[in-house]
Amino acid sequence: MNDQRLYQVLLAPHVSEKTATAAEMEGRHTFRVAGDATKLEVRKAVEKIFDVNVRGVQIVNVPGKTKRFGSKEGKRSDWKKAIVRLAEGQDIDFMGIEG
């Protein structure tokens, strides 16, 4: 697995009230990931980019919602998210990362 692929796996952190609470209380951070990403790729990408130890990774395929636009019906894109559990005492600081 090359470094270029690892940087393409993680797309963005997924931030909501639920994920912020999980990150603070339980050390679980949630990311939007590439549609073809595997658990091993997500683990290696998080460990390399954020320099932390990962205890576990859960992958969830999130189906897009069906929405109506006037009389027309449309569908949002499906996407994949990864819930990453960090080792005890580890934390990810998103503000300290340079792009």
PDB file of N, CA and C in Angstrom:
ATOM      1  N   MET A   1       0.850  -1.175   0.000  1.00  0.00           N
ATOM      2  CA  MET A   1       0.000   0.000   0.000  1.00  0.00           C
ATOM      3  C   MET A   1       0.898   1.242   0.000  1.00  0.00           C
ATOM      4  N   ASN A   2       0.771   2.075  -1.007  1.00  0.00           N
ATOM      5  CA  ASN A   2       1.636   3.245  -1.082  1.00  0.00           C
ATOM      6  C   ASN A   2       1.038   4.426  -0.325  1.00  0.00           C
ATOM      7  N   ASP A   3       1.898   5.407  -0.056  1.00  0.00           N
ATOM      8  CA  ASP A   3       1.483   6.575   0.724  1.00  0.00           C
ATOM      9  C   ASP A   3       0.428   7.403   0.009  1.00  0.00           C
ATOM     10  N   GLN A   4       0.494   7.460  -1.320  1.00  0.00           N
ATOM     11  CA  GLN A   4      -0.480   8.245  -2.076  1.00  0.00           C
ATOM     12  C   GLN A   4      -1.893   7.703  -1.864  1.00  0.00           C
ATOM     13  N   ARG A   5      -2.039   6.385  -1.849  1.00  0.00           N
ATOM     14  CA  ARG A   5      -3.350   5.773  -1.627  1.00  0.00           C
ATOM     15  C   ARG A   5      -3.853   6.081  -0.219  1.00  0.00           C
ATOM     16  N   LEU A   6      -2.966   6.051   0.776  1.00  0.00           N
ATOM     17  CA  LEU A   6      -3.383   6.311   2.155  1.00  0.00           C
ATOM     18  C   LEU A   6      -3.934   7.723   2.314  1.00  0.00           C
ATOM     19  N   TYR A   7      -3.370   8.678   1.582  1.00  0.00           N
ATOM     20  CA  TYR A   7      -3.870  10.050   1.670  1.00  0.00           C
ATOM     21  C   TYR A   7      -5.188  10.236   0.914  1.00  0.00           C
ATOM     22  N   GLN A   8      -5.552   9.314   0.036  1.00  0.00           N
ATOM     23  CA  GLN A   8      -6.813   9.397  -0.691  1.00  0.00           C
ATOM     24  C   GLN A   8      -7.945   8.688   0.036  1.00  0.00           C
ATOM     25  N   VAL A   9      -7.622   7.870   1.034  1.00  0.00           N
ATOM     26  CA  VAL A   9      -8.647   7.084   1.738  1.00  0.00           C
ATOM     27  C   VAL A   9      -9.523   7.983   2.604  1.00  0.00           C
ATOM     28  N   LEU A  10      -8.923   8.826   3.436  1.00  0.00           N
ATOM     29  CA  LEU A  10      -9.689   9.715   4.311  1.00  0.00           C
ATOM     30  C   LEU A  10     -10.089  10.968   3.546  1.00  0.00           C
ATOM     31  N   LEU A  11     -11.395  11.232   3.472  1.00  0.00           N
ATOM     32  CA  LEU A  11     -11.872  12.412   2.749  1.00  0.00           C
ATOM     33  C   LEU A  11     -12.066  13.605   3.678  1.00  0.00           C
ATOM     34  N   ALA A  12     -12.704  13.379   4.840  1.00  0.00           N
ATOM     35  CA  ALA A  12     -12.976  14.474   5.768  1.00  0.00           C
ATOM     36  C   ALA A  12     -13.456  13.897   7.087  1.00  0.00           C
ATOM     37  N   PRO A  13     -13.272  14.646   8.174  1.00  0.00           N
ATOM     38  CA  PRO A  13     -13.910  14.211   9.422  1.00  0.00           C
ATOM     39  C   PRO A  13     -15.413  14.452   9.329  1.00  0.00           C
ATOM     40  N   HIS A  14     -16.191  13.559   9.909  1.00  0.00           N
ATOM     41  CA  HIS A  14     -17.653  13.718   9.916  1.00  0.00           C
ATOM     42  C   HIS A  14     -18.024  14.257  11.295  1.00  0.00           C
ATOM     43  N   VAL A  15     -18.492  15.504  11.336  1.00  0.00           N
ATOM     44  CA  VAL A  15     -18.744  16.177  12.612  1.00  0.00           C
ATOM     45  C   VAL A  15     -20.237  16.378  12.814  1.00  0.00           C
ATOM     46  N   SER A  16     -20.730  15.882  13.932  1.00  0.00           N
ATOM     47  CA  SER A  16     -22.104  16.111  14.367  1.00  0.00           C
ATOM     48  C   SER A  16     -22.088  16.081  15.893  1.00  0.00           C
ATOM     49  N   GLU A  17     -23.214  16.356  16.512  1.00  0.00           N
ATOM     50  CA  GLU A  17     -23.259  16.300  17.977  1.00  0.00           C
ATOM     51  C   GLU A  17     -22.937  14.897  18.474  1.00  0.00           C
ATOM     52  N   LYS A  18     -23.476  13.912  17.794  1.00  0.00           N
ATOM     53  CA  LYS A  18     -23.264  12.522  18.201  1.00  0.00           C
ATOM     54  C   LYS A  18     -21.793  12.118  18.072  1.00  0.00           C
ATOM     55  N   THR A  19     -21.150  12.474  16.958  1.00  0.00           N
ATOM     56  CA  THR A  19     -19.757  12.084  16.776  1.00  0.00           C
ATOM     57  C   THR A  19     -18.822  12.880  17.680  1.00  0.00           C
ATOM     58  N   ALA A  20     -19.149  14.131  17.965  1.00  0.00           N
ATOM     59  CA  ALA A  20     -18.327  14.938  18.869  1.00  0.00           C
ATOM     60  C   ALA A  20     -18.366  14.367  20.281  1.00  0.00           C
ATOM     61  N   THR A  21     -19.543  13.932  20.716  1.00  0.00           N
ATOM     62  CA  THR A  21     -19.666  13.319  22.041  1.00  0.00           C
ATOM     63  C   THR A  21     -18.914  12.001  22.102  1.00  0.00           C
ATOM     64  N   ALA A  22     -19.024  11.192  21.058  1.00  0.00           N
ATOM     65  CA  ALA A  22     -18.319   9.906  21.013  1.00  0.00           C
ATOM     66  C   ALA A  22     -16.806  10.110  21.023  1.00  0.00           C
ATOM     67  N   ALA A  23     -16.328  11.132  20.330  1.00  0.00           N
ATOM     68  CA  ALA A  23     -14.892  11.407  20.291  1.00  0.00           C
ATOM     69  C   ALA A  23     -14.390  11.845  21.656  1.00  0.00           C
ATOM     70  N   GLU A  24     -15.171  12.673  22.337  1.00  0.00           N
ATOM     71  CA  GLU A  24     -14.759  13.198  23.636  1.00  0.00           C
ATOM     72  C   GLU A  24     -14.834  12.148  24.735  1.00  0.00           C
ATOM     73  N   MET A  25     -15.924  11.376  24.764  1.00  0.00           N
ATOM     74  CA  MET A  25     -16.147  10.432  25.857  1.00  0.00           C
ATOM     75  C   MET A  25     -15.480   9.075  25.637  1.00  0.00           C
ATOM     76  N   GLU A  26     -15.497   8.582  24.399  1.00  0.00           N
ATOM     77  CA  GLU A  26     -15.091   7.202  24.151  1.00  0.00           C
ATOM     78  C   GLU A  26     -13.874   7.060  23.249  1.00  0.00           C
ATOM     79  N   GLY A  27     -13.347   8.156  22.725  1.00  0.00           N
ATOM     80  CA  GLY A  27     -12.191   8.070  21.838  1.00  0.00           C
ATOM     81  C   GLY A  27     -12.516   7.491  20.476  1.00  0.00           C
ATOM     82  N   ARG A  28     -13.764   7.680  20.011  1.00  0.00           N
ATOM     83  CA  ARG A  28     -14.187   7.197  18.690  1.00  0.00           C
ATOM     84  C   ARG A  28     -14.315   8.398  17.765  1.00  0.00           C
ATOM     85  N   HIS A  29     -13.533   8.396  16.694  1.00  0.00           N
ATOM     86  CA  HIS A  29     -13.563   9.492  15.719  1.00  0.00           C
ATOM     87  C   HIS A  29     -14.166   8.972  14.424  1.00  0.00           C
ATOM     88  N   THR A  30     -14.964   9.803  13.771  1.00  0.00           N
ATOM     89  CA  THR A  30     -15.683   9.395  12.572  1.00  0.00           C
ATOM     90  C   THR A  30     -15.174  10.181  11.363  1.00  0.00           C
ATOM     91  N   PHE A  31     -14.951   9.458  10.266  1.00  0.00           N
ATOM     92  CA  PHE A  31     -14.433  10.058   9.037  1.00  0.00           C
ATOM     93  C   PHE A  31     -15.282   9.642   7.852  1.00  0.00           C
ATOM     94  N   ARG A  32     -15.412  10.536   6.865  1.00  0.00           N
ATOM     95  CA  ARG A  32     -15.914  10.148   5.549  1.00  0.00           C
ATOM     96  C   ARG A  32     -14.729   9.532   4.826  1.00  0.00           C
ATOM     97  N   VAL A  33     -14.941   8.381   4.214  1.00  0.00           N
ATOM     98  CA  VAL A  33     -13.842   7.697   3.536  1.00  0.00           C
ATOM     99  C   VAL A  33     -14.219   7.393   2.096  1.00  0.00           C
ATOM    100  N   ALA A  34     -13.227   7.018   1.300  1.00  0.00           N
ATOM    101  CA  ALA A  34     -13.455   6.669  -0.096  1.00  0.00           C
ATOM    102  C   ALA A  34     -14.390   5.461  -0.179  1.00  0.00           C
ATOM    103  N   GLY A  35     -15.155   5.384  -1.247  1.00  0.00           N
ATOM    104  CA  GLY A  35     -16.138   4.322  -1.402  1.00  0.00           C
ATOM    105  C   GLY A  35     -15.550   2.927  -1.477  1.00  0.00           C
ATOM    106  N   ASP A  36     -14.293   2.810  -1.876  1.00  0.00           N
ATOM    107  CA  ASP A  36     -13.661   1.498  -1.979  1.00  0.00           C
ATOM    108  C   ASP A  36     -12.649   1.244  -0.861  1.00  0.00           C
ATOM    109  N   ALA A  37     -12.681   2.057   0.195  1.00  0.00           N
ATOM    110  CA  ALA A  37     -11.728   1.920   1.302  1.00  0.00           C
ATOM    111  C   ALA A  37     -12.028   0.678   2.133  1.00  0.00           C
ATOM    112  N   THR A  38     -10.974   0.036   2.616  1.00  0.00           N
ATOM    113  CA  THR A  38     -11.112  -1.126   3.490  1.00  0.00           C
ATOM    114  C   THR A  38     -10.723  -0.736   4.913  1.00  0.00           C
ATOM    115  N   LYS A  39     -11.033  -1.613   5.861  1.00  0.00           N
ATOM    116  CA  LYS A  39     -10.685  -1.354   7.253  1.00  0.00           C
ATOM    117  C   LYS A  39      -9.179  -1.207   7.438  1.00  0.00           C
ATOM    118  N   LEU A  40      -8.417  -2.054   6.784  1.00  0.00           N
ATOM    119  CA  LEU A  40      -6.957  -1.998   6.911  1.00  0.00           C
ATOM    120  C   LEU A  40      -6.406  -0.685   6.363  1.00  0.00           C
ATOM    121  N   GLU A  41      -6.936  -0.233   5.221  1.00  0.00           N
ATOM    122  CA  GLU A  41      -6.487   1.033   4.650  1.00  0.00           C
ATOM    123  C   GLU A  41      -6.823   2.204   5.567  1.00  0.00           C
ATOM    124  N   VAL A  42      -8.022   2.196   6.151  1.00  0.00           N
ATOM    125  CA  VAL A  42      -8.423   3.280   7.058  1.00  0.00           C
ATOM    126  C   VAL A  42      -7.516   3.281   8.283  1.00  0.00           C
ATOM    127  N   ARG A  43      -7.253   2.114   8.840  1.00  0.00           N
ATOM    128  CA  ARG A  43      -6.379   1.999  10.023  1.00  0.00           C
ATOM    129  C   ARG A  43      -5.001   2.584   9.726  1.00  0.00           C
ATOM    130  N   LYS A  44      -4.385   2.155   8.620  1.00  0.00           N
ATOM    131  CA  LYS A  44      -3.037   2.619   8.277  1.00  0.00           C
ATOM    132  C   LYS A  44      -3.018   4.115   7.976  1.00  0.00           C
ATOM    133  N   ALA A  45      -4.069   4.622   7.318  1.00  0.00           N
ATOM    134  CA  ALA A  45      -4.127   6.053   6.995  1.00  0.00           C
ATOM    135  C   ALA A  45      -4.218   6.899   8.263  1.00  0.00           C
ATOM    136  N   VAL A  46      -5.075   6.513   9.198  1.00  0.00           N
ATOM    137  CA  VAL A  46      -5.227   7.284  10.443  1.00  0.00           C
ATOM    138  C   VAL A  46      -3.937   7.224  11.253  1.00  0.00           C
ATOM    139  N   GLU A  47      -3.326   6.047  11.342  1.00  0.00           N
ATOM    140  CA  GLU A  47      -2.079   5.927  12.104  1.00  0.00           C
ATOM    141  C   GLU A  47      -0.967   6.761  11.487  1.00  0.00           C
ATOM    142  N   LYS A  48      -0.882   6.798  10.158  1.00  0.00           N
ATOM    143  CA  LYS A  48       0.184   7.557   9.501  1.00  0.00           C
ATOM    144  C   LYS A  48      -0.058   9.064   9.573  1.00  0.00           C
ATOM    145  N   ILE A  49      -1.270   9.494   9.271  1.00  0.00           N
ATOM    146  CA  ILE A  49      -1.555  10.934   9.195  1.00  0.00           C
ATOM    147  C   ILE A  49      -1.571  11.586  10.575  1.00  0.00           C
ATOM    148  N   PHE A  50      -2.202  10.940  11.556  1.00  0.00           N
ATOM    149  CA  PHE A  50      -2.387  11.560  12.869  1.00  0.00           C
ATOM    150  C   PHE A  50      -1.413  11.046  13.927  1.00  0.00           C
ATOM    151  N   ASP A  51      -0.572  10.064  13.602  1.00  0.00           N
ATOM    152  CA  ASP A  51       0.432   9.519  14.513  1.00  0.00           C
ATOM    153  C   ASP A  51      -0.200   9.044  15.827  1.00  0.00           C
ATOM    154  N   VAL A  52      -1.198   8.161  15.712  1.00  0.00           N
ATOM    155  CA  VAL A  52      -1.885   7.572  16.860  1.00  0.00           C
ATOM    156  C   VAL A  52      -1.954   6.061  16.675  1.00  0.00           C
ATOM    157  N   ASN A  53      -2.327   5.351  17.733  1.00  0.00           N
ATOM    158  CA  ASN A  53      -2.536   3.909  17.659  1.00  0.00           C
ATOM    159  C   ASN A  53      -4.030   3.637  17.577  1.00  0.00           C
ATOM    160  N   VAL A  54      -4.438   2.823  16.618  1.00  0.00           N
ATOM    161  CA  VAL A  54      -5.850   2.514  16.385  1.00  0.00           C
ATOM    162  C   VAL A  54      -6.168   1.147  16.975  1.00  0.00           C
ATOM    163  N   ARG A  55      -7.217   1.081  17.803  1.00  0.00           N
ATOM    164  CA  ARG A  55      -7.663  -0.186  18.377  1.00  0.00           C
ATOM    165  C   ARG A  55      -8.619  -0.918  17.464  1.00  0.00           C
ATOM    166  N   GLY A  56      -9.472  -0.199  16.750  1.00  0.00           N
ATOM    167  CA  GLY A  56     -10.447  -0.856  15.884  1.00  0.00           C
ATOM    168  C   GLY A  56     -11.073   0.105  14.897  1.00  0.00           C
ATOM    169  N   VAL A  57     -11.599  -0.471  13.820  1.00  0.00           N
ATOM    170  CA  VAL A  57     -12.246   0.312  12.765  1.00  0.00           C
ATOM    171  C   VAL A  57     -13.564  -0.359  12.413  1.00  0.00           C
ATOM    172  N   GLN A  58     -14.622   0.432  12.332  1.00  0.00           N
ATOM    173  CA  GLN A  58     -15.919  -0.038  11.850  1.00  0.00           C
ATOM    174  C   GLN A  58     -16.261   0.771  10.605  1.00  0.00           C
ATOM    175  N   ILE A  59     -16.747   0.088   9.571  1.00  0.00           N
ATOM    176  CA  ILE A  59     -17.115   0.736   8.316  1.00  0.00           C
ATOM    177  C   ILE A  59     -18.629   0.659   8.147  1.00  0.00           C
ATOM    178  N   VAL A  60     -19.237   1.778   7.742  1.00  0.00           N
ATOM    179  CA  VAL A  60     -20.679   1.833   7.534  1.00  0.00           C
ATOM    180  C   VAL A  60     -20.949   2.434   6.159  1.00  0.00           C
ATOM    181  N   ASN A  61     -21.744   1.738   5.342  1.00  0.00           N
ATOM    182  CA  ASN A  61     -22.209   2.292   4.074  1.00  0.00           C
ATOM    183  C   ASN A  61     -23.493   3.059   4.352  1.00  0.00           C
ATOM    184  N   VAL A  62     -23.482   4.353   4.072  1.00  0.00           N
ATOM    185  CA  VAL A  62     -24.628   5.212   4.347  1.00  0.00           C
ATOM    186  C   VAL A  62     -25.381   5.449   3.039  1.00  0.00           C
ATOM    187  N   PRO A  63     -26.628   4.975   2.937  1.00  0.00           N
ATOM    188  CA  PRO A  63     -27.389   5.194   1.700  1.00  0.00           C
ATOM    189  C   PRO A  63     -27.840   6.649   1.588  1.00  0.00           C
ATOM    190  N   GLY A  64     -27.853   7.168   0.360  1.00  0.00           N
ATOM    191  CA  GLY A  64     -28.303   8.530   0.127  1.00  0.00           C
ATOM    192  C   GLY A  64     -29.811   8.642   0.278  1.00  0.00           C
ATOM    193  N   LYS A  65     -30.254   9.780   0.744  1.00  0.00           N
ATOM    194  CA  LYS A  65     -31.687  10.001   0.940  1.00  0.00           C
ATOM    195  C   LYS A  65     -32.366  10.357  -0.378  1.00  0.00           C
ATOM    196  N   THR A  66     -33.611   9.961  -0.494  1.00  0.00           N
ATOM    197  CA  THR A  66     -34.422  10.368  -1.634  1.00  0.00           C
ATOM    198  C   THR A  66     -35.094  11.689  -1.283  1.00  0.00           C
ATOM    199  N   LYS A  67     -34.940  12.666  -2.150  1.00  0.00           N
ATOM    200  CA  LYS A  67     -35.489  13.998  -1.909  1.00  0.00           C
ATOM    201  C   LYS A  67     -36.340  14.414  -3.099  1.00  0.00           C
ATOM    202  N   ARG A  68     -37.295  15.293  -2.830  1.00  0.00           N
ATOM    203  CA  ARG A  68     -38.136  15.825  -3.890  1.00  0.00           C
ATOM    204  C   ARG A  68     -37.722  17.266  -4.170  1.00  0.00           C
ATOM    205  N   PHE A  69     -37.649  17.595  -5.447  1.00  0.00           N
ATOM    206  CA  PHE A  69     -37.362  18.954  -5.886  1.00  0.00           C
ATOM    207  C   PHE A  69     -38.553  19.402  -6.725  1.00  0.00           C
ATOM    208  N   GLY A  70     -39.556  19.939  -6.056  1.00  0.00           N
ATOM    209  CA  GLY A  70     -40.794  20.291  -6.742  1.00  0.00           C
ATOM    210  C   GLY A  70     -41.504  19.012  -7.155  1.00  0.00           C
ATOM    211  N   SER A  71     -41.733  18.846  -8.439  1.00  0.00           N
ATOM    212  CA  SER A  71     -42.413  17.638  -8.907  1.00  0.00           C
ATOM    213  C   SER A  71     -41.430  16.525  -9.268  1.00  0.00           C
ATOM    214  N   LYS A  72     -40.150  16.840  -9.258  1.00  0.00           N
ATOM    215  CA  LYS A  72     -39.126  15.848  -9.621  1.00  0.00           C
ATOM    216  C   LYS A  72     -38.560  15.193  -8.366  1.00  0.00           C
ATOM    217  N   GLU A  73     -38.195  13.941  -8.516  1.00  0.00           N
ATOM    218  CA  GLU A  73     -37.613  13.213  -7.398  1.00  0.00           C
ATOM    219  C   GLU A  73     -36.131  12.997  -7.675  1.00  0.00           C
ATOM    220  N   GLY A  74     -35.310  13.207  -6.663  1.00  0.00           N
ATOM    221  CA  GLY A  74     -33.873  13.033  -6.815  1.00  0.00           C
ATOM    222  C   GLY A  74     -33.325  12.204  -5.671  1.00  0.00           C
ATOM    223  N   LYS A  75     -32.052  11.864  -5.754  1.00  0.00           N
ATOM    224  CA  LYS A  75     -31.423  11.050  -4.731  1.00  0.00           C
ATOM    225  C   LYS A  75     -30.030  11.593  -4.442  1.00  0.00           C
ATOM    226  N   ARG A  76     -29.717  11.731  -3.155  1.00  0.00           N
ATOM    227  CA  ARG A  76     -28.370  12.120  -2.763  1.00  0.00           C
ATOM    228  C   ARG A  76     -27.430  10.932  -2.941  1.00  0.00           C
ATOM    229  N   SER A  77     -26.157  11.200  -3.045  1.00  0.00           N
ATOM    230  CA  SER A  77     -25.171  10.144  -3.266  1.00  0.00           C
ATOM    231  C   SER A  77     -25.019   9.272  -2.032  1.00  0.00           C
ATOM    232  N   ASP A  78     -24.754   7.970  -2.267  1.00  0.00           N
ATOM    233  CA  ASP A  78     -24.381   7.078  -1.178  1.00  0.00           C
ATOM    234  C   ASP A  78     -22.945   7.425  -0.776  1.00  0.00           C
ATOM    235  N   TRP A  79     -22.605   7.177   0.508  1.00  0.00           N
ATOM    236  CA  TRP A  79     -21.249   7.444   0.958  1.00  0.00           C
ATOM    237  C   TRP A  79     -20.869   6.445   2.043  1.00  0.00           C
ATOM    238  N   LYS A  80     -19.607   6.428   2.371  1.00  0.00           N
ATOM    239  CA  LYS A  80     -19.092   5.464   3.341  1.00  0.00           C
ATOM    240  C   LYS A  80     -18.428   6.223   4.485  1.00  0.00           C
ATOM    241  N   LYS A  81     -18.690   5.778   5.711  1.00  0.00           N
ATOM    242  CA  LYS A  81     -18.025   6.395   6.850  1.00  0.00           C
ATOM    243  C   LYS A  81     -17.307   5.323   7.654  1.00  0.00           C
ATOM    244  N   ALA A  82     -16.263   5.756   8.338  1.00  0.00           N
ATOM    245  CA  ALA A  82     -15.480   4.857   9.172  1.00  0.00           C
ATOM    246  C   ALA A  82     -15.449   5.414  10.588  1.00  0.00           C
ATOM    247  N   ILE A  83     -15.727   4.548  11.552  1.00  0.00           N
ATOM    248  CA  ILE A  83     -15.654   4.916  12.963  1.00  0.00           C
ATOM    249  C   ILE A  83     -14.380   4.277  13.501  1.00  0.00           C
ATOM    250  N   VAL A  84     -13.455   5.122  13.957  1.00  0.00           N
ATOM    251  CA  VAL A  84     -12.136   4.668  14.374  1.00  0.00           C
ATOM    252  C   VAL A  84     -12.017   4.808  15.883  1.00  0.00           C
ATOM    253  N   ARG A  85     -11.720   3.699  16.554  1.00  0.00           N
ATOM    254  CA  ARG A  85     -11.525   3.714  18.008  1.00  0.00           C
ATOM    255  C   ARG A  85     -10.026   3.761  18.276  1.00  0.00           C
ATOM    256  N   LEU A  86      -9.612   4.769  19.052  1.00  0.00           N
ATOM    257  CA  LEU A  86      -8.197   4.952  19.344  1.00  0.00           C
ATOM    258  C   LEU A  86      -7.808   4.236  20.630  1.00  0.00           C
ATOM    259  N   ALA A  87      -6.516   3.978  20.769  1.00  0.00           N
ATOM    260  CA  ALA A  87      -5.999   3.355  21.985  1.00  0.00           C
ATOM    261  C   ALA A  87      -6.189   4.298  23.167  1.00  0.00           C
ATOM    262  N   GLU A  88      -6.182   3.746  24.351  1.00  0.00           N
ATOM    263  CA  GLU A  88      -6.386   4.515  25.585  1.00  0.00           C
ATOM    264  C   GLU A  88      -5.343   5.630  25.689  1.00  0.00           C
ATOM    265  N   GLY A  89      -5.802   6.842  25.964  1.00  0.00           N
ATOM    266  CA  GLY A  89      -4.904   7.981  26.125  1.00  0.00           C
ATOM    267  C   GLY A  89      -4.535   8.690  24.825  1.00  0.00           C
ATOM    268  N   GLN A  90      -4.971   8.194  23.684  1.00  0.00           N
ATOM    269  CA  GLN A  90      -4.676   8.808  22.387  1.00  0.00           C
ATOM    270  C   GLN A  90      -5.793   9.776  22.019  1.00  0.00           C
ATOM    271  N   ASP A  91      -5.455  10.822  21.242  1.00  0.00           N
ATOM    272  CA  ASP A  91      -6.462  11.771  20.782  1.00  0.00           C
ATOM    273  C   ASP A  91      -6.000  12.370  19.465  1.00  0.00           C
ATOM    274  N   ILE A  92      -6.954  12.789  18.655  1.00  0.00           N
ATOM    275  CA  ILE A  92      -6.659  13.433  17.376  1.00  0.00           C
ATOM    276  C   ILE A  92      -6.961  14.913  17.511  1.00  0.00           C
ATOM    277  N   ASP A  93      -5.968  15.742  17.170  1.00  0.00           N
ATOM    278  CA  ASP A  93      -6.131  17.185  17.197  1.00  0.00           C
ATOM    279  C   ASP A  93      -6.219  17.677  15.760  1.00  0.00           C
ATOM    280  N   PHE A  94      -7.433  17.997  15.309  1.00  0.00           N
ATOM    281  CA  PHE A  94      -7.632  18.431  13.923  1.00  0.00           C
ATOM    282  C   PHE A  94      -7.072  19.823  13.679  1.00  0.00           C
ATOM    283  N   MET A  95      -6.957  20.634  14.698  1.00  0.00           N
ATOM    284  CA  MET A  95      -6.459  21.996  14.513  1.00  0.00           C
ATOM    285  C   MET A  95      -4.948  22.021  14.295  1.00  0.00           C
ATOM    286  N   GLY A  96      -4.231  21.022  14.779  1.00  0.00           N
ATOM    287  CA  GLY A  96      -2.779  21.001  14.657  1.00  0.00           C
ATOM    288  C   GLY A  96      -2.281  20.414  13.366  1.00  0.00           C
ATOM    289  N   ILE A  97      -3.170  19.951  12.477  1.00  0.00           N
ATOM    290  CA  ILE A  97      -2.780  19.315  11.228  1.00  0.00           C
ATOM    291  C   ILE A  97      -2.662  20.364  10.129  1.00  0.00           C
ATOM    292  N   GLU A  98      -1.566  20.313   9.391  1.00  0.00           N
ATOM    293  CA  GLU A  98      -1.397  21.209   8.263  1.00  0.00           C
ATOM    294  C   GLU A  98      -1.770  20.496   6.975  1.00  0.00           C
ATOM    295  N   GLY A  99      -2.391  21.204   6.033  1.00  0.00           N
ATOM    296  CA  GLY A  99      -2.860  20.605   4.800  1.00  0.00           C
ATOM    297  C   GLY A  99      -1.860  20.438   3.756  1.00  0.00           C
TER     298      GLY A  99
END
